[in-house]
Amino acid sequence: MTAKMLFSEELWKVSRKMRTLFDARVRAEGLTLPRARTLMLLGKKDCMTQTELADALEIERPTLVPLLDGLEKQDLIKRLPVDGDRRAKHVALTPAGREQAAHVNRLVREFRNDVLSNVDEDDLNVAIRVLEAMTRNIEAAS
């Protein structure tokens, strides 16, 4: 097996395992992975349009609507009108949503520390360069 094949397979495997483990951790906190990801993104910005949020989550807008409906029912987000565009909506965290986003960010930090424990800093820097090169290749191929 070539290094490219082995690397690709390991990357897929690690990605799936990370997603499964993080999903289990957020579910233990009463969240779903999509809700946790949404809270994390909104926690980084004061406000995003629904289109920006769908793009950042890499999901279609029709998929986003029920996700936001659920977060709104939990009083974690609010949807606000966009000046000059009656159809567009901004999505912002409520005070309870900001608390929940902060909690999710703590879970992410713990997760990251667990997953990357005993991984050498130099190895991480090489891996970052490889992943950045792969990202550029994917974007160029799109």
N, C-alpha and C. Protein backbone atom coordinates (compact mmCIF):
# COMPACT_ATOMS: atom_id res chain seq x y z
N MET A 1 0.85 -1.18 0.00
CA MET A 1 0.00 0.00 0.00
C MET A 1 0.90 1.24 0.00
N THR A 2 0.57 2.20 -0.85
CA THR A 2 1.38 3.41 -0.94
C THR A 2 1.10 4.32 0.25
N ALA A 3 2.02 5.25 0.47
CA ALA A 3 1.85 6.21 1.55
C ALA A 3 0.60 7.06 1.33
N LYS A 4 0.32 7.43 0.08
CA LYS A 4 -0.88 8.22 -0.21
C LYS A 4 -2.15 7.45 0.14
N MET A 5 -2.18 6.18 -0.22
CA MET A 5 -3.35 5.36 0.08
C MET A 5 -3.50 5.19 1.59
N LEU A 6 -2.42 4.87 2.26
CA LEU A 6 -2.46 4.66 3.70
C LEU A 6 -2.87 5.94 4.43
N PHE A 7 -2.29 7.08 4.01
CA PHE A 7 -2.63 8.35 4.63
C PHE A 7 -4.12 8.66 4.45
N SER A 8 -4.63 8.47 3.23
CA SER A 8 -6.04 8.74 2.95
C SER A 8 -6.95 7.88 3.81
N GLU A 9 -6.64 6.60 3.90
CA GLU A 9 -7.45 5.70 4.71
C GLU A 9 -7.42 6.07 6.18
N GLU A 10 -6.24 6.40 6.69
CA GLU A 10 -6.11 6.79 8.09
C GLU A 10 -6.85 8.09 8.36
N LEU A 11 -6.79 9.02 7.42
CA LEU A 11 -7.48 10.30 7.59
C LEU A 11 -8.99 10.09 7.66
N TRP A 12 -9.54 9.25 6.78
CA TRP A 12 -10.97 8.93 6.82
C TRP A 12 -11.34 8.28 8.14
N LYS A 13 -10.52 7.32 8.56
CA LYS A 13 -10.80 6.59 9.80
C LYS A 13 -10.78 7.52 11.01
N VAL A 14 -9.76 8.35 11.09
CA VAL A 14 -9.65 9.29 12.22
C VAL A 14 -10.81 10.28 12.20
N SER A 15 -11.16 10.76 11.03
CA SER A 15 -12.26 11.71 10.91
C SER A 15 -13.56 11.09 11.42
N ARG A 16 -13.85 9.87 11.00
CA ARG A 16 -15.08 9.19 11.45
C ARG A 16 -15.06 8.95 12.95
N LYS A 17 -13.92 8.50 13.46
CA LYS A 17 -13.82 8.21 14.90
C LYS A 17 -13.93 9.49 15.73
N MET A 18 -13.33 10.58 15.25
CA MET A 18 -13.44 11.85 15.97
C MET A 18 -14.89 12.30 16.01
N ARG A 19 -15.55 12.22 14.88
CA ARG A 19 -16.95 12.64 14.80
C ARG A 19 -17.82 11.80 15.73
N THR A 20 -17.61 10.49 15.72
CA THR A 20 -18.39 9.58 16.57
C THR A 20 -18.15 9.88 18.05
N LEU A 21 -16.90 10.07 18.43
CA LEU A 21 -16.57 10.34 19.83
C LEU A 21 -17.13 11.69 20.27
N PHE A 22 -16.96 12.72 19.44
CA PHE A 22 -17.47 14.04 19.82
C PHE A 22 -18.99 14.02 19.88
N ASP A 23 -19.63 13.34 18.94
CA ASP A 23 -21.08 13.22 18.94
C ASP A 23 -21.55 12.57 20.24
N ALA A 24 -20.87 11.52 20.68
CA ALA A 24 -21.24 10.85 21.94
C ALA A 24 -21.10 11.81 23.12
N ARG A 25 -20.05 12.61 23.10
CA ARG A 25 -19.84 13.54 24.21
C ARG A 25 -20.89 14.64 24.25
N VAL A 26 -21.27 15.18 23.10
CA VAL A 26 -22.30 16.23 23.13
C VAL A 26 -23.68 15.64 23.41
N ARG A 27 -23.92 14.42 22.96
CA ARG A 27 -25.20 13.77 23.27
C ARG A 27 -25.34 13.54 24.77
N ALA A 28 -24.23 13.21 25.43
CA ALA A 28 -24.25 13.04 26.88
C ALA A 28 -24.62 14.35 27.59
N GLU A 29 -24.45 15.45 26.89
CA GLU A 29 -24.79 16.77 27.43
C GLU A 29 -26.17 17.24 26.96
N GLY A 30 -26.90 16.35 26.27
CA GLY A 30 -28.24 16.69 25.81
C GLY A 30 -28.29 17.45 24.49
N LEU A 31 -27.20 17.42 23.74
CA LEU A 31 -27.14 18.11 22.45
C LEU A 31 -26.99 17.11 21.33
N THR A 32 -27.16 17.60 20.12
CA THR A 32 -26.81 16.81 18.94
C THR A 32 -25.57 17.45 18.33
N LEU A 33 -24.88 16.72 17.49
CA LEU A 33 -23.69 17.26 16.83
C LEU A 33 -24.03 18.50 16.00
N PRO A 34 -25.10 18.48 15.18
CA PRO A 34 -25.42 19.70 14.43
C PRO A 34 -25.72 20.91 15.32
N ARG A 35 -26.42 20.68 16.42
CA ARG A 35 -26.70 21.80 17.33
C ARG A 35 -25.43 22.31 17.98
N ALA A 36 -24.55 21.41 18.38
CA ALA A 36 -23.29 21.82 18.99
C ALA A 36 -22.45 22.61 18.00
N ARG A 37 -22.37 22.14 16.75
CA ARG A 37 -21.60 22.86 15.73
C ARG A 37 -22.18 24.25 15.48
N THR A 38 -23.51 24.34 15.46
CA THR A 38 -24.17 25.63 15.24
C THR A 38 -23.85 26.59 16.38
N LEU A 39 -23.94 26.11 17.61
CA LEU A 39 -23.64 26.96 18.77
C LEU A 39 -22.18 27.41 18.75
N MET A 40 -21.27 26.50 18.36
CA MET A 40 -19.85 26.87 18.28
C MET A 40 -19.64 27.99 17.28
N LEU A 41 -20.25 27.86 16.10
CA LEU A 41 -20.08 28.89 15.07
C LEU A 41 -20.67 30.22 15.51
N LEU A 42 -21.87 30.18 16.07
CA LEU A 42 -22.49 31.42 16.51
C LEU A 42 -21.75 32.03 17.69
N GLY A 43 -21.10 31.20 18.48
CA GLY A 43 -20.30 31.70 19.60
C GLY A 43 -19.09 32.49 19.16
N LYS A 44 -18.62 32.22 17.94
CA LYS A 44 -17.45 32.93 17.40
C LYS A 44 -17.82 34.27 16.80
N LYS A 45 -19.09 34.43 16.42
CA LYS A 45 -19.56 35.68 15.80
C LYS A 45 -20.78 36.16 16.56
N ASP A 46 -21.01 37.43 16.54
CA ASP A 46 -22.19 37.94 17.21
C ASP A 46 -23.46 37.52 16.49
N CYS A 47 -23.37 37.48 15.18
CA CYS A 47 -24.58 37.27 14.39
C CYS A 47 -24.17 36.78 13.00
N MET A 48 -24.97 35.89 12.43
CA MET A 48 -24.76 35.41 11.06
C MET A 48 -26.11 35.33 10.38
N THR A 49 -26.10 35.51 9.07
CA THR A 49 -27.34 35.25 8.35
C THR A 49 -27.53 33.74 8.24
N GLN A 50 -28.77 33.34 7.95
CA GLN A 50 -29.02 31.92 7.80
C GLN A 50 -28.20 31.34 6.65
N THR A 51 -28.02 32.12 5.59
CA THR A 51 -27.22 31.66 4.45
C THR A 51 -25.76 31.46 4.86
N GLU A 52 -25.20 32.42 5.59
CA GLU A 52 -23.81 32.30 6.06
C GLU A 52 -23.65 31.08 6.97
N LEU A 53 -24.64 30.87 7.82
CA LEU A 53 -24.59 29.74 8.75
C LEU A 53 -24.68 28.41 8.00
N ALA A 54 -25.58 28.32 7.03
CA ALA A 54 -25.70 27.09 6.23
C ALA A 54 -24.39 26.81 5.50
N ASP A 55 -23.78 27.85 4.93
CA ASP A 55 -22.51 27.67 4.23
C ASP A 55 -21.41 27.21 5.18
N ALA A 56 -21.35 27.82 6.36
CA ALA A 56 -20.31 27.46 7.33
C ALA A 56 -20.49 26.03 7.84
N LEU A 57 -21.74 25.61 7.98
CA LEU A 57 -22.04 24.24 8.43
C LEU A 57 -21.97 23.24 7.29
N GLU A 58 -21.89 23.76 6.06
CA GLU A 58 -21.87 22.93 4.85
C GLU A 58 -23.13 22.07 4.75
N ILE A 59 -24.27 22.75 4.98
CA ILE A 59 -25.56 22.09 4.82
C ILE A 59 -26.46 22.98 3.98
N GLU A 60 -27.52 22.39 3.44
CA GLU A 60 -28.47 23.14 2.63
C GLU A 60 -29.38 23.96 3.55
N ARG A 61 -29.87 25.08 3.03
CA ARG A 61 -30.75 25.93 3.84
C ARG A 61 -31.99 25.19 4.33
N PRO A 62 -32.63 24.33 3.51
CA PRO A 62 -33.79 23.60 4.04
C PRO A 62 -33.44 22.68 5.21
N THR A 63 -32.22 22.21 5.28
CA THR A 63 -31.77 21.38 6.41
C THR A 63 -31.54 22.25 7.64
N LEU A 64 -31.13 23.50 7.41
CA LEU A 64 -30.83 24.41 8.51
C LEU A 64 -32.09 24.83 9.27
N VAL A 65 -33.19 25.02 8.56
CA VAL A 65 -34.40 25.58 9.17
C VAL A 65 -34.88 24.77 10.38
N PRO A 66 -35.05 23.43 10.26
CA PRO A 66 -35.50 22.69 11.45
C PRO A 66 -34.47 22.70 12.58
N LEU A 67 -33.20 22.76 12.21
CA LEU A 67 -32.14 22.86 13.23
C LEU A 67 -32.31 24.15 14.02
N LEU A 68 -32.52 25.26 13.31
CA LEU A 68 -32.71 26.55 13.97
C LEU A 68 -34.03 26.58 14.74
N ASP A 69 -35.07 25.94 14.19
CA ASP A 69 -36.34 25.88 14.91
C ASP A 69 -36.15 25.24 16.28
N GLY A 70 -35.40 24.15 16.32
CA GLY A 70 -35.15 23.45 17.59
C GLY A 70 -34.37 24.31 18.57
N LEU A 71 -33.33 25.00 18.07
CA LEU A 71 -32.54 25.86 18.93
C LEU A 71 -33.36 27.04 19.44
N GLU A 72 -34.26 27.53 18.59
CA GLU A 72 -35.11 28.64 18.98
C GLU A 72 -36.11 28.20 20.06
N LYS A 73 -36.65 26.99 19.92
CA LYS A 73 -37.58 26.47 20.93
C LYS A 73 -36.90 26.30 22.28
N GLN A 74 -35.59 26.01 22.27
CA GLN A 74 -34.82 25.88 23.50
C GLN A 74 -34.36 27.24 24.03
N ASP A 75 -34.75 28.32 23.34
CA ASP A 75 -34.35 29.68 23.69
C ASP A 75 -32.82 29.85 23.67
N LEU A 76 -32.16 29.19 22.70
CA LEU A 76 -30.71 29.32 22.57
C LEU A 76 -30.33 30.30 21.47
N ILE A 77 -31.25 30.52 20.52
CA ILE A 77 -31.02 31.49 19.44
C ILE A 77 -32.26 32.34 19.25
N LYS A 78 -32.07 33.44 18.53
CA LYS A 78 -33.19 34.24 18.07
C LYS A 78 -32.90 34.62 16.62
N ARG A 79 -33.95 34.72 15.84
CA ARG A 79 -33.83 35.14 14.44
C ARG A 79 -34.32 36.58 14.34
N LEU A 80 -33.53 37.38 13.67
CA LEU A 80 -33.81 38.81 13.55
C LEU A 80 -33.88 39.21 12.09
N PRO A 81 -34.70 40.19 11.75
CA PRO A 81 -34.76 40.63 10.36
C PRO A 81 -33.46 41.29 9.91
N VAL A 82 -33.18 41.16 8.63
CA VAL A 82 -32.02 41.82 8.02
C VAL A 82 -32.53 43.10 7.36
N ASP A 83 -31.93 44.23 7.71
CA ASP A 83 -32.34 45.50 7.11
C ASP A 83 -32.21 45.43 5.59
N GLY A 84 -33.27 45.82 4.90
CA GLY A 84 -33.24 45.88 3.45
C GLY A 84 -33.55 44.58 2.74
N ASP A 85 -33.78 43.49 3.49
CA ASP A 85 -34.09 42.21 2.86
C ASP A 85 -35.13 41.49 3.72
N ARG A 86 -36.37 41.56 3.30
CA ARG A 86 -37.47 40.98 4.09
C ARG A 86 -37.35 39.47 4.26
N ARG A 87 -36.74 38.81 3.29
CA ARG A 87 -36.67 37.34 3.33
C ARG A 87 -35.52 36.83 4.19
N ALA A 88 -34.46 37.62 4.33
CA ALA A 88 -33.26 37.17 5.05
C ALA A 88 -33.44 37.34 6.56
N LYS A 89 -32.77 36.47 7.29
CA LYS A 89 -32.80 36.54 8.76
C LYS A 89 -31.38 36.40 9.31
N HIS A 90 -31.10 37.22 10.33
CA HIS A 90 -29.89 37.04 11.11
C HIS A 90 -30.18 36.03 12.21
N VAL A 91 -29.18 35.27 12.58
CA VAL A 91 -29.31 34.33 13.69
C VAL A 91 -28.31 34.76 14.75
N ALA A 92 -28.80 34.93 15.97
CA ALA A 92 -27.94 35.37 17.07
C ALA A 92 -28.23 34.50 18.30
N LEU A 93 -27.23 34.36 19.14
CA LEU A 93 -27.40 33.61 20.38
C LEU A 93 -28.15 34.46 21.40
N THR A 94 -28.98 33.81 22.18
CA THR A 94 -29.60 34.45 23.33
C THR A 94 -28.58 34.36 24.48
N PRO A 95 -28.84 34.98 25.62
CA PRO A 95 -27.94 34.79 26.77
C PRO A 95 -27.77 33.31 27.14
N ALA A 96 -28.87 32.54 27.11
CA ALA A 96 -28.76 31.10 27.39
C ALA A 96 -27.94 30.41 26.32
N GLY A 97 -28.08 30.86 25.08
CA GLY A 97 -27.30 30.30 23.98
C GLY A 97 -25.81 30.58 24.13
N ARG A 98 -25.48 31.79 24.60
CA ARG A 98 -24.06 32.11 24.82
C ARG A 98 -23.46 31.21 25.90
N GLU A 99 -24.24 30.95 26.95
CA GLU A 99 -23.76 30.03 27.99
C GLU A 99 -23.55 28.63 27.43
N GLN A 100 -24.52 28.18 26.64
CA GLN A 100 -24.42 26.84 26.05
C GLN A 100 -23.25 26.76 25.08
N ALA A 101 -23.03 27.83 24.28
CA ALA A 101 -21.90 27.86 23.35
C ALA A 101 -20.58 27.80 24.11
N ALA A 102 -20.49 28.51 25.23
CA ALA A 102 -19.28 28.47 26.04
C ALA A 102 -19.05 27.06 26.58
N HIS A 103 -20.13 26.40 26.97
CA HIS A 103 -20.02 25.03 27.46
C HIS A 103 -19.53 24.10 26.35
N VAL A 104 -20.08 24.25 25.16
CA VAL A 104 -19.65 23.43 24.02
C VAL A 104 -18.18 23.69 23.73
N ASN A 105 -17.74 24.93 23.80
CA ASN A 105 -16.32 25.23 23.56
C ASN A 105 -15.42 24.57 24.60
N ARG A 106 -15.89 24.48 25.84
CA ARG A 106 -15.11 23.75 26.87
C ARG A 106 -15.03 22.27 26.50
N LEU A 107 -16.15 21.71 26.02
CA LEU A 107 -16.14 20.31 25.58
C LEU A 107 -15.16 20.10 24.43
N VAL A 108 -15.12 21.06 23.51
CA VAL A 108 -14.21 20.98 22.37
C VAL A 108 -12.76 20.99 22.85
N ARG A 109 -12.45 21.89 23.78
CA ARG A 109 -11.07 21.95 24.29
C ARG A 109 -10.68 20.64 24.97
N GLU A 110 -11.58 20.09 25.78
CA GLU A 110 -11.30 18.81 26.43
C GLU A 110 -11.12 17.70 25.40
N PHE A 111 -12.00 17.68 24.42
CA PHE A 111 -11.93 16.69 23.35
C PHE A 111 -10.59 16.79 22.61
N ARG A 112 -10.23 18.01 22.23
CA ARG A 112 -8.99 18.24 21.51
C ARG A 112 -7.79 17.77 22.34
N ASN A 113 -7.79 18.10 23.63
CA ASN A 113 -6.69 17.67 24.50
C ASN A 113 -6.62 16.15 24.59
N ASP A 114 -7.77 15.50 24.70
CA ASP A 114 -7.79 14.04 24.78
C ASP A 114 -7.29 13.40 23.48
N VAL A 115 -7.79 13.89 22.36
CA VAL A 115 -7.45 13.29 21.06
C VAL A 115 -5.99 13.52 20.69
N LEU A 116 -5.47 14.67 21.06
CA LEU A 116 -4.10 15.03 20.65
C LEU A 116 -3.06 14.83 21.75
N SER A 117 -3.46 14.21 22.87
CA SER A 117 -2.48 13.97 23.92
C SER A 117 -1.41 13.03 23.38
N ASN A 118 -0.21 13.24 23.80
CA ASN A 118 0.95 12.42 23.40
C ASN A 118 1.29 12.55 21.91
N VAL A 119 0.79 13.58 21.24
CA VAL A 119 1.19 13.83 19.86
C VAL A 119 2.17 14.99 19.89
N ASP A 120 3.34 14.77 19.32
CA ASP A 120 4.41 15.75 19.34
C ASP A 120 4.03 17.02 18.57
N GLU A 121 4.42 18.17 19.10
CA GLU A 121 4.12 19.46 18.47
C GLU A 121 4.68 19.54 17.05
N ASP A 122 5.89 19.05 16.85
CA ASP A 122 6.49 19.06 15.51
C ASP A 122 5.67 18.21 14.53
N ASP A 123 5.18 17.06 15.01
CA ASP A 123 4.34 16.21 14.16
C ASP A 123 3.03 16.92 13.81
N LEU A 124 2.47 17.64 14.78
CA LEU A 124 1.25 18.39 14.51
C LEU A 124 1.49 19.46 13.45
N ASN A 125 2.61 20.14 13.52
CA ASN A 125 2.91 21.18 12.53
C ASN A 125 3.06 20.60 11.14
N VAL A 126 3.69 19.43 11.02
CA VAL A 126 3.79 18.77 9.71
C VAL A 126 2.39 18.38 9.22
N ALA A 127 1.59 17.82 10.11
CA ALA A 127 0.23 17.41 9.72
C ALA A 127 -0.60 18.62 9.27
N ILE A 128 -0.43 19.73 9.94
CA ILE A 128 -1.15 20.95 9.56
C ILE A 128 -0.76 21.37 8.15
N ARG A 129 0.52 21.34 7.85
CA ARG A 129 0.97 21.71 6.50
C ARG A 129 0.40 20.75 5.45
N VAL A 130 0.37 19.47 5.76
CA VAL A 130 -0.18 18.48 4.83
C VAL A 130 -1.67 18.75 4.60
N LEU A 131 -2.40 18.97 5.67
CA LEU A 131 -3.85 19.21 5.54
C LEU A 131 -4.13 20.51 4.80
N GLU A 132 -3.33 21.54 5.03
CA GLU A 132 -3.50 22.80 4.29
C GLU A 132 -3.24 22.59 2.80
N ALA A 133 -2.22 21.80 2.46
CA ALA A 133 -1.93 21.51 1.06
C ALA A 133 -3.09 20.73 0.44
N MET A 134 -3.63 19.78 1.18
CA MET A 134 -4.77 19.01 0.67
C MET A 134 -5.97 19.91 0.44
N THR A 135 -6.21 20.85 1.36
CA THR A 135 -7.32 21.79 1.22
C THR A 135 -7.13 22.62 -0.05
N ARG A 136 -5.93 23.11 -0.27
CA ARG A 136 -5.67 23.88 -1.51
C ARG A 136 -5.93 23.03 -2.74
N ASN A 137 -5.52 21.78 -2.73
CA ASN A 137 -5.73 20.89 -3.87
C ASN A 137 -7.22 20.65 -4.12
N ILE A 138 -7.96 20.46 -3.04
CA ILE A 138 -9.41 20.24 -3.17
C ILE A 138 -10.08 21.48 -3.74
N GLU A 139 -9.70 22.65 -3.21
CA GLU A 139 -10.30 23.89 -3.71
C GLU A 139 -9.95 24.13 -5.17
N ALA A 140 -8.74 23.79 -5.57
CA ALA A 140 -8.33 23.97 -6.96
C ALA A 140 -9.09 23.00 -7.88
N ALA A 141 -9.43 21.83 -7.37
CA ALA A 141 -10.13 20.83 -8.18
C ALA A 141 -11.63 21.12 -8.27
N SER A 142 -12.15 21.94 -7.37
CA SER A 142 -13.59 22.23 -7.34
C SER A 142 -14.02 23.12 -8.46
